[in-house]
Amino acid sequence: MESRVLSRAGTLFSLPHLRKLPREVGAGPSLVAVKAVGSVADGGNLIWGRQLRPELCSPALKKEAVLLRPCLAAASSPAEGSDSAGEAKVAPAGFFEKYPALVTGFFFFTWYFLNVIFNILNKKIYNYFPYPYFVSVIHLFVGVAYCLVSWAVGLPKRAPIDSNLLKLLIPVAVCHALGHVTSNVSFAAVAVSFTHTIKALEPFFNAAASQFILGQSIPITLWLSLAPVVIGVSMASLTELSFNWVGFISAMISNISFTYRSIYSKKAMTDMDSTNIYAYISIIALIVCIPPAVILEGPTLLKHGFNDAIAKVGLVKFVSDLFWVGMFYHLYNQVATNTLERVAPLTHAVGNVLKRVFVIGFSIIVFGNKISTQTGIGTAIAIAGVALYSFIKARMEEEKRQAKAA
């Protein structure tokens, strides 16, 4: 998922049940100083203010929580929550602990649902309001407003940012802004299914950047697995009924932008949680997107763009469509980040491929886009190539992780 590279995976910390310690003879009253864990400063990861993935044995818990001896007044009574033998009672496992697979499945479903709704609503807006630069600004503006409100109520608490972190995040945000705008230009110019087919080439650009820019060695098996992607996209492009060069080139620029975003993200890894990182990146990206929207589309919008849209659908629907498309854009990115943090790399890879299949399939059904047989076959080959590439790469990462652990 594209949003995953924006941030370092954050975790929440939860205190396990602790028995009171026996009082030593002659010990005086003592204080208990416990630093709040699971906070943003410790890398706590929140979405809509809810905990997602507790981690019981976190370094922050061991380092920060200071538990001193209990007070004298409570020393003579048995510890609350323990039996007569002094053994701690184990709380019964809740639903989320008993069925983690169902919970993860629900997160995947929510991610796909939000993504499909965003793509459908986004394309419907472009059908009567073809101004992708302005709509891109709205996407980010609504997301930033959501983050500011969340910070205001403390869900999550805003993590402070300094000049050094800002310097690291600016290149990431610029690439994020460029990739986001060019994606929307492509969505406005061609069918949603075609744009997502072109964006299936993103693994190819990532591999090329890793090999020739970062100097990493890419195995021949990975390069061979990308051949079906290139062939499939080429087949789909040659006979795509909605093909035009603006849509094609914009989707390719989006791939390159998100590839460089991945490179800069590796340099910007911090201890800040993903929710706050994504909020800061959205704010910077919004600032970057406003000038081109004003310069390229501002005069046309003021002259007849807004009036034409309002005349077609009405003011209330126009404003509500812009609000909801921005909200769905932000929420699907945030849920995607937290979903992918819950699973192994292989599941992550499969999830990304299935998401693209869902979006392509639903867009064809909803909009009734006619595609040629060759386009359908090419799209299927490209998606299969992405799945193969993702599977091989995930297996390689898992082997490296196991080697380090050993």
Foldseek 3Di string as FASTA:
>chain_A
DLLQLLADAFAFEDEDDDWADADDPPDAADDFDADDTLAQVQRRAFDQLDHDHYDYDDPCRVPGGDGDHHHPVPNVDQTPQADPVNHHDDDDDDPCVVCVVVVLVVLLVLLLVLVLVLLVLLLVLLVQFVQLLVLLLLLLVLLLVVLVVCCVVPSPPADDDDPVLVVLLLLLLQLVLLLSSLLSQLSSQFFPLLLLLLLLCLVVLLVVCCCPPVVDDDDPQLVVLQVLQVQLNVLLQVFFPSDDPSNNVSSVSSSNSSSVSSVSSVVSHDSGYSSNSVSVSSVSSSVVSVVVSCVVPVVVCVVPSVVSSCVVPHDVVSVVSSNSSSVSSNVSSSSLNSSLSVDAQLVNQVSVLVSSVSNSVVSCVVVVRDGDPSSVVSSVSSSSSSNSSSNVVSVVVVVVVVVVVD
